[in-house]
Amino acid sequence: MALYRSAIIGCGGIGGLSDSPGDKNIISHAYAYQSHDNFELIAGCDINQDNLSEFKNRWGDSVKLYSDIDELINKEAFEVISVCTTTSTHAEIINKLLLKDDIKLIICEKPLVATADELNLLKSNLNKFPDKKLLINFPRHYDPGFSSMAKRINKNEFGRPLSFNGVFVKGLYHNGCHMLELIEYFLGDIKTVSVLSNQIVQNDIYGMYSVETANCIGTVANFEPENYSIFDLDIYFEKGRIRMAEAGHRLEIHKPAKSKIYPGYTEIYSNEVIQDSFYRRSYHTVEAARSYLEDNKINGRTVFEQHLLLSEKMLILKDKFCSNIKTVTFK
């Protein structure tokens, strides 16, 4: 059984401060590494000393801490590393990590990069290091519940998809990438996105959008968070409905049945709830990394290439919609 030495750059919330040892929910990368038998968390790096201090309190004195990335890279030997910093720093950090010989796999929080130039340079550098592996952390893709749902859709259990509706908070670029990734996972490549309503807030886009995939057309809408968070998706099929609620902790399957109220009518009723596995979402991401390194049951290269294409689409959408272009079509 391989044991991969692991490190984290960015020791704040998702890096290591969104949970603690013993919690039921495995949200942070630090907890995921410490919970998995195939990984050993050896180091963390952050420019914020308060984050480093709290990171040490939670994850132990054996984890070495650094405030300089170059020092971490030069002094520590590790095979896997998570990049959990702000989006604007991702490209520079990953390009440095690609040069380190002992690194085998990098897990990067979404969005992958901030600009098209950064993406192009990163793609060029990745081509120079074909043995290096990279995963973008779209955790629903690696979650067993969502994976089983995707397989059932692909087996045509629910028939032809008819329409979908997604709703979420925060910007289309920074949080909507989760929604569009999930839509592509379930319903095929996104072909066209059109503005129904649109506004620019803090260099991100909010509104309602028509989304055409390879298999059907639906809508997504987002708004600024105020009193609550939401990330819901409804998909309607010929033979029923899939409803994702509570940010992915509740997956319902609705099937047609005779109406309980109206004689002669058929309605759809919830008849199955998929057991929640998303509470261990970062663990599943780390398990996907292990699989990519060993048995590759997740088809890691293909998944990354799909996510790389999605990253490019998200940058195009942001650029065009911020420039008041109403429809974007992808080849």
Protein backbone atom coordinates (compact mmCIF):
# COMPACT_ATOMS: atom_id res chain seq x y z
CA MET A 1 0.00 0.00 0.00
CA ALA A 2 1.58 3.26 -1.15
CA LEU A 3 1.90 6.13 1.30
CA TYR A 4 1.98 9.53 -0.38
CA ARG A 5 3.61 12.41 1.43
CA SER A 6 1.34 15.41 1.05
CA ALA A 7 1.45 19.16 1.57
CA ILE A 8 -0.97 22.07 1.40
CA ILE A 9 -0.43 25.60 0.14
CA GLY A 10 -3.11 27.86 1.59
CA CYS A 11 -3.96 26.75 5.12
CA GLY A 12 -7.19 28.74 5.58
CA GLY A 13 -10.76 27.46 5.35
CA ILE A 14 -10.73 24.82 2.63
CA GLY A 15 -7.04 24.11 3.22
CA GLY A 16 -7.41 23.18 6.88
CA LEU A 17 -9.63 25.42 9.00
CA SER A 18 -13.15 24.42 7.93
CA ASP A 19 -13.18 21.31 10.16
CA SER A 20 -11.28 19.60 12.95
CA PRO A 21 -10.10 16.07 13.77
CA GLY A 22 -13.06 13.95 14.80
CA ASP A 23 -15.68 15.92 12.87
CA LYS A 24 -18.19 13.93 10.83
CA ASN A 25 -17.85 16.24 7.83
CA ILE A 26 -14.56 16.04 5.92
CA ILE A 27 -14.40 19.44 4.23
CA SER A 28 -10.76 20.53 4.31
CA HIS A 29 -7.82 19.05 2.45
CA ALA A 30 -5.93 18.64 5.72
CA TYR A 31 -8.65 16.45 7.24
CA ALA A 32 -8.94 14.47 4.00
CA TYR A 33 -5.23 13.66 3.97
CA GLN A 34 -5.20 12.76 7.67
CA SER A 35 -8.29 10.57 7.25
CA HIS A 36 -6.94 8.57 4.32
CA ASP A 37 -4.65 5.59 4.94
CA ASN A 38 -2.64 6.24 1.77
CA PHE A 39 -1.63 9.82 2.59
CA GLU A 40 0.55 11.49 5.19
CA LEU A 41 0.22 15.25 5.69
CA ILE A 42 3.76 16.49 6.23
CA ALA A 43 3.66 20.27 5.57
CA GLY A 44 1.57 23.38 5.15
CA CYS A 45 2.33 26.83 3.76
CA ASP A 46 0.52 30.14 4.19
CA ILE A 47 1.51 33.81 4.33
CA ASN A 48 -1.00 34.35 7.16
CA GLN A 49 0.65 33.53 10.50
CA ASP A 50 -2.70 33.22 12.28
CA ASN A 51 -3.74 30.55 9.78
CA LEU A 52 -0.48 28.67 10.32
CA SER A 53 -0.85 28.81 14.09
CA GLU A 54 -4.41 27.48 14.02
CA PHE A 55 -3.47 24.90 11.37
CA LYS A 56 -0.78 23.57 13.73
CA ASN A 57 -3.22 23.48 16.65
CA ARG A 58 -5.68 21.38 14.65
CA TRP A 59 -3.44 19.08 12.66
CA GLY A 60 -0.49 18.51 14.97
CA ASP A 61 3.10 19.45 15.66
CA SER A 62 4.39 16.86 13.20
CA VAL A 63 3.19 19.01 10.27
CA LYS A 64 5.98 21.38 9.27
CA LEU A 65 4.89 24.94 8.53
CA TYR A 66 6.21 27.49 6.05
CA SER A 67 5.35 31.04 5.09
CA ASP A 68 7.35 30.94 1.84
CA ILE A 69 6.45 28.63 -1.05
CA ASP A 70 9.99 28.41 -2.39
CA GLU A 71 11.26 27.32 1.01
CA LEU A 72 8.59 24.62 1.20
CA ILE A 73 9.49 23.36 -2.27
CA ASN A 74 13.23 23.34 -1.57
CA LYS A 75 13.17 21.78 1.90
CA GLU A 76 10.39 19.20 1.78
CA ALA A 77 9.93 16.03 -0.26
CA PHE A 78 6.31 15.21 -1.15
CA GLU A 79 4.42 13.50 -3.95
CA VAL A 80 1.00 15.18 -3.66
CA ILE A 81 0.11 18.79 -2.92
CA SER A 82 -3.09 20.83 -2.67
CA VAL A 83 -3.25 24.43 -3.87
CA CYS A 84 -5.92 26.18 -1.77
CA THR A 85 -4.97 29.82 -2.28
CA THR A 86 -6.87 32.61 -4.04
CA THR A 87 -7.54 32.05 -7.74
CA SER A 88 -5.18 34.81 -8.88
CA THR A 89 -2.21 32.92 -7.39
CA HIS A 90 -2.97 29.42 -8.76
CA ALA A 91 -1.13 29.62 -12.08
CA GLU A 92 2.12 30.96 -10.65
CA ILE A 93 2.13 28.35 -7.87
CA ILE A 94 1.32 25.41 -10.15
CA ASN A 95 3.99 26.44 -12.65
CA LYS A 96 6.54 26.37 -9.81
CA LEU A 97 5.32 23.00 -8.57
CA LEU A 98 5.64 21.42 -12.01
CA LEU A 99 9.40 21.96 -11.78
CA LYS A 100 9.73 19.91 -8.58
CA ASP A 101 10.88 16.41 -9.47
CA ASP A 102 9.20 14.42 -6.71
CA ILE A 103 5.70 15.85 -7.18
CA LYS A 104 3.39 13.37 -8.88
CA LEU A 105 -0.01 15.03 -8.51
CA ILE A 106 -1.41 18.49 -7.78
CA ILE A 107 -4.94 19.10 -6.52
CA CYS A 108 -6.07 22.66 -7.24
CA GLU A 109 -9.13 24.43 -5.93
CA LYS A 110 -11.44 25.95 -8.52
CA PRO A 111 -11.42 28.11 -10.54
CA LEU A 112 -8.15 26.86 -11.96
CA VAL A 113 -6.87 30.26 -13.12
CA ALA A 114 -7.92 33.90 -13.29
CA THR A 115 -7.11 34.78 -16.92
CA ALA A 116 -6.88 33.24 -20.38
CA ASP A 117 -3.15 34.06 -20.55
CA GLU A 118 -2.57 32.13 -17.34
CA LEU A 119 -4.50 29.17 -18.71
CA ASN A 120 -2.54 29.15 -21.98
CA LEU A 121 0.81 29.27 -20.17
CA LEU A 122 -0.26 26.54 -17.79
CA LYS A 123 -1.40 24.29 -20.64
CA SER A 124 1.96 24.80 -22.36
CA ASN A 125 3.86 23.92 -19.18
CA LEU A 126 1.70 20.85 -18.53
CA ASN A 127 2.66 19.58 -21.99
CA LYS A 128 6.31 19.82 -20.97
CA PHE A 129 5.70 17.56 -17.96
CA PRO A 130 3.40 14.76 -19.19
CA ASP A 131 4.12 12.61 -16.13
CA LYS A 132 2.70 15.26 -13.77
CA LYS A 133 -0.98 14.85 -12.89
CA LEU A 134 -3.42 17.63 -12.01
CA LEU A 135 -6.94 17.46 -10.58
CA ILE A 136 -9.27 20.44 -10.25
CA ASN A 137 -11.37 20.06 -7.13
CA PHE A 138 -14.92 19.70 -8.41
CA PRO A 139 -15.89 17.47 -5.48
CA ARG A 140 -19.31 16.33 -6.76
CA HIS A 141 -17.57 14.65 -9.70
CA TYR A 142 -15.62 12.39 -7.32
CA ASP A 143 -18.48 11.74 -4.89
CA PRO A 144 -19.94 8.18 -4.95
CA GLY A 145 -23.55 9.41 -4.84
CA PHE A 146 -23.14 11.74 -7.80
CA SER A 147 -21.08 9.16 -9.69
CA SER A 148 -23.81 6.55 -9.29
CA MET A 149 -26.39 9.07 -10.49
CA ALA A 150 -24.32 9.87 -13.60
CA LYS A 151 -24.07 6.16 -14.41
CA ARG A 152 -27.82 5.71 -14.09
CA ILE A 153 -28.43 8.67 -16.41
CA ASN A 154 -25.97 7.27 -18.95
CA LYS A 155 -27.74 3.89 -18.83
CA ASN A 156 -30.94 5.71 -19.85
CA GLU A 157 -32.81 4.70 -16.69
CA PHE A 158 -34.73 7.99 -16.71
CA GLY A 159 -35.16 8.31 -20.47
CA ARG A 160 -34.47 11.40 -22.52
CA PRO A 161 -33.63 14.58 -20.55
CA LEU A 162 -36.22 17.30 -21.12
CA SER A 163 -35.09 20.34 -19.14
CA PHE A 164 -33.18 21.47 -16.06
CA ASN A 165 -33.03 24.37 -13.64
CA GLY A 166 -30.07 25.26 -11.45
CA VAL A 167 -29.93 27.93 -8.74
CA PHE A 168 -26.92 29.00 -6.69
CA VAL A 169 -25.36 31.94 -4.87
CA LYS A 170 -22.11 33.78 -5.66
CA GLY A 171 -20.68 34.56 -9.09
CA LEU A 172 -21.06 32.52 -12.25
CA TYR A 173 -17.28 32.28 -12.67
CA HIS A 174 -16.22 31.49 -9.12
CA ASN A 175 -19.14 29.32 -8.00
CA GLY A 176 -21.10 28.69 -11.17
CA CYS A 177 -18.25 26.55 -12.46
CA HIS A 178 -19.45 23.93 -9.95
CA MET A 179 -22.96 24.10 -11.41
CA LEU A 180 -21.85 23.97 -15.05
CA GLU A 181 -19.45 21.11 -14.29
CA LEU A 182 -22.30 19.14 -12.76
CA ILE A 183 -24.57 19.89 -15.72
CA GLU A 184 -21.90 18.65 -18.14
CA TYR A 185 -21.32 15.57 -15.95
CA PHE A 186 -25.00 14.63 -16.13
CA LEU A 187 -26.14 16.04 -19.48
CA GLY A 188 -23.17 16.33 -21.84
CA ASP A 189 -20.99 19.15 -23.13
CA ILE A 190 -22.30 22.68 -22.92
CA LYS A 191 -22.80 24.04 -26.44
CA THR A 192 -24.40 27.48 -25.97
CA VAL A 193 -25.03 29.87 -23.08
CA SER A 194 -27.28 32.91 -23.53
CA VAL A 195 -28.03 35.81 -21.20
CA LEU A 196 -31.61 36.19 -20.01
CA SER A 197 -30.58 38.75 -17.40
CA ASN A 198 -27.09 39.84 -16.40
CA GLN A 199 -25.22 42.18 -14.06
CA ILE A 200 -21.56 42.59 -13.12
CA VAL A 201 -20.69 42.54 -9.41
CA GLN A 202 -17.08 42.65 -8.22
CA ASN A 203 -15.69 41.33 -11.52
CA ASP A 204 -18.09 38.37 -11.64
CA ILE A 205 -21.45 37.84 -13.31
CA TYR A 206 -24.90 37.34 -11.86
CA GLY A 207 -28.29 36.77 -13.45
CA MET A 208 -30.23 34.12 -15.35
CA TYR A 209 -28.88 32.17 -18.30
CA SER A 210 -30.15 29.69 -20.86
CA VAL A 211 -27.80 26.73 -21.15
CA GLU A 212 -27.89 24.28 -24.06
CA THR A 213 -26.03 21.01 -23.62
CA ALA A 214 -25.50 18.12 -26.01
CA ASN A 215 -28.76 16.58 -24.74
CA CYS A 216 -31.20 19.31 -23.65
CA ILE A 217 -31.77 22.97 -22.76
CA GLY A 218 -32.33 24.46 -19.32
CA THR A 219 -31.60 27.50 -17.19
CA VAL A 220 -29.28 28.50 -14.38
CA ALA A 221 -29.68 31.52 -12.12
CA ASN A 222 -27.47 33.00 -9.44
CA PHE A 223 -27.63 35.87 -6.99
CA GLU A 224 -25.54 37.49 -4.29
CA PRO A 225 -25.69 35.65 -0.97
CA GLU A 226 -27.61 37.48 1.71
CA ASN A 227 -29.30 35.41 4.42
CA TYR A 228 -28.57 31.90 3.20
CA SER A 229 -26.59 29.74 0.78
CA ILE A 230 -28.14 27.61 -1.95
CA PHE A 231 -26.91 25.23 -4.65
CA ASP A 232 -29.82 23.28 -6.13
CA LEU A 233 -30.35 21.48 -9.43
CA ASP A 234 -33.53 19.94 -10.88
CA ILE A 235 -33.43 17.78 -14.01
CA TYR A 236 -36.60 16.53 -15.71
CA PHE A 237 -36.61 13.38 -17.85
CA GLU A 238 -39.17 11.41 -19.81
CA LYS A 239 -39.40 8.94 -16.94
CA GLY A 240 -39.03 11.16 -13.92
CA ARG A 241 -36.95 13.77 -12.19
CA ILE A 242 -33.66 14.09 -10.32
CA ARG A 243 -33.53 16.74 -7.60
CA MET A 244 -30.32 17.84 -5.91
CA ALA A 245 -30.82 19.94 -2.79
CA GLU A 246 -28.95 21.03 0.33
CA ALA A 247 -25.81 21.73 -1.74
CA GLY A 248 -25.58 18.08 -2.73
CA HIS A 249 -26.31 16.41 0.58
CA ARG A 250 -29.74 15.35 -0.65
CA LEU A 251 -30.21 13.55 -3.96
CA GLU A 252 -33.78 12.56 -4.75
CA ILE A 253 -35.20 10.45 -7.57
CA HIS A 254 -38.82 11.10 -8.52
CA LYS A 255 -40.74 8.60 -10.65
CA PRO A 256 -44.15 8.82 -12.40
CA ALA A 257 -47.20 7.43 -10.59
CA LYS A 258 -50.95 7.84 -10.63
CA SER A 259 -51.94 11.14 -9.09
CA LYS A 260 -52.94 10.93 -5.45
CA ILE A 261 -55.34 13.83 -5.98
CA TYR A 262 -56.48 14.05 -9.61
CA PRO A 263 -58.12 10.97 -11.20
CA GLY A 264 -56.76 10.10 -14.62
CA TYR A 265 -53.55 12.11 -14.15
CA THR A 266 -49.96 10.95 -13.67
CA GLU A 267 -47.58 12.96 -11.50
CA ILE A 268 -44.03 12.43 -10.28
CA TYR A 269 -43.31 11.57 -6.67
CA SER A 270 -40.12 11.09 -4.71
CA ASN A 271 -39.52 7.37 -4.33
CA GLU A 272 -35.78 7.18 -3.62
CA VAL A 273 -33.22 9.24 -1.71
CA ILE A 274 -29.55 8.50 -2.37
CA GLN A 275 -27.56 8.05 0.84
CA ASP A 276 -25.54 11.18 1.56
CA SER A 277 -21.83 10.68 0.94
CA PHE A 278 -21.05 14.31 0.16
CA TYR A 279 -20.30 15.07 3.81
CA ARG A 280 -16.93 13.35 3.09
CA ARG A 281 -16.38 15.34 -0.10
CA SER A 282 -12.71 16.22 0.33
CA TYR A 283 -11.94 12.64 1.29
CA HIS A 284 -13.46 11.53 -2.03
CA THR A 285 -11.30 14.06 -3.89
CA VAL A 286 -8.18 12.67 -2.22
CA GLU A 287 -9.34 9.12 -2.98
CA ALA A 288 -9.73 10.18 -6.63
CA ALA A 289 -6.12 11.39 -6.49
CA ARG A 290 -5.02 7.99 -5.17
CA SER A 291 -6.95 6.26 -7.93
CA TYR A 292 -5.41 8.52 -10.56
CA LEU A 293 -1.94 7.64 -9.28
CA GLU A 294 -2.57 3.88 -9.03
CA ASP A 295 -5.50 2.09 -10.70
CA ASN A 296 -6.98 5.14 -12.53
CA LYS A 297 -10.57 3.94 -12.18
CA ILE A 298 -11.64 7.59 -12.42
CA ASN A 299 -10.02 8.00 -15.88
CA GLY A 300 -8.12 10.93 -14.45
CA ARG A 301 -6.56 12.21 -17.65
CA THR A 302 -9.93 12.36 -19.40
CA VAL A 303 -11.59 13.99 -16.39
CA PHE A 304 -8.85 16.62 -16.18
CA GLU A 305 -9.06 17.34 -19.91
CA GLN A 306 -12.83 17.84 -19.56
CA HIS A 307 -12.31 20.16 -16.62
CA LEU A 308 -9.60 22.03 -18.49
CA LEU A 309 -12.05 22.63 -21.36
CA LEU A 310 -14.66 23.79 -18.85
CA SER A 311 -12.12 26.20 -17.36
CA GLU A 312 -11.61 27.68 -20.82
CA LYS A 313 -15.38 27.95 -21.33
CA MET A 314 -15.79 29.74 -17.99
CA LEU A 315 -13.14 32.31 -18.92
CA ILE A 316 -14.84 32.92 -22.28
CA LEU A 317 -18.25 33.34 -20.63
CA LYS A 318 -16.86 35.79 -18.11
CA ASP A 319 -15.11 37.84 -20.81
CA LYS A 320 -18.07 37.91 -23.22
CA PHE A 321 -20.80 38.56 -20.66
CA CYS A 322 -18.75 41.32 -19.02
CA SER A 323 -18.48 42.83 -22.52
CA ASN A 324 -22.29 42.77 -22.93
CA ILE A 325 -22.27 39.95 -25.49
CA LYS A 326 -25.49 38.02 -24.99
CA THR A 327 -24.81 34.57 -26.50
CA VAL A 328 -21.70 32.39 -26.52
CA THR A 329 -21.50 29.23 -28.63
CA PHE A 330 -18.75 26.65 -28.16
CA LYS A 331 -17.44 24.34 -30.87
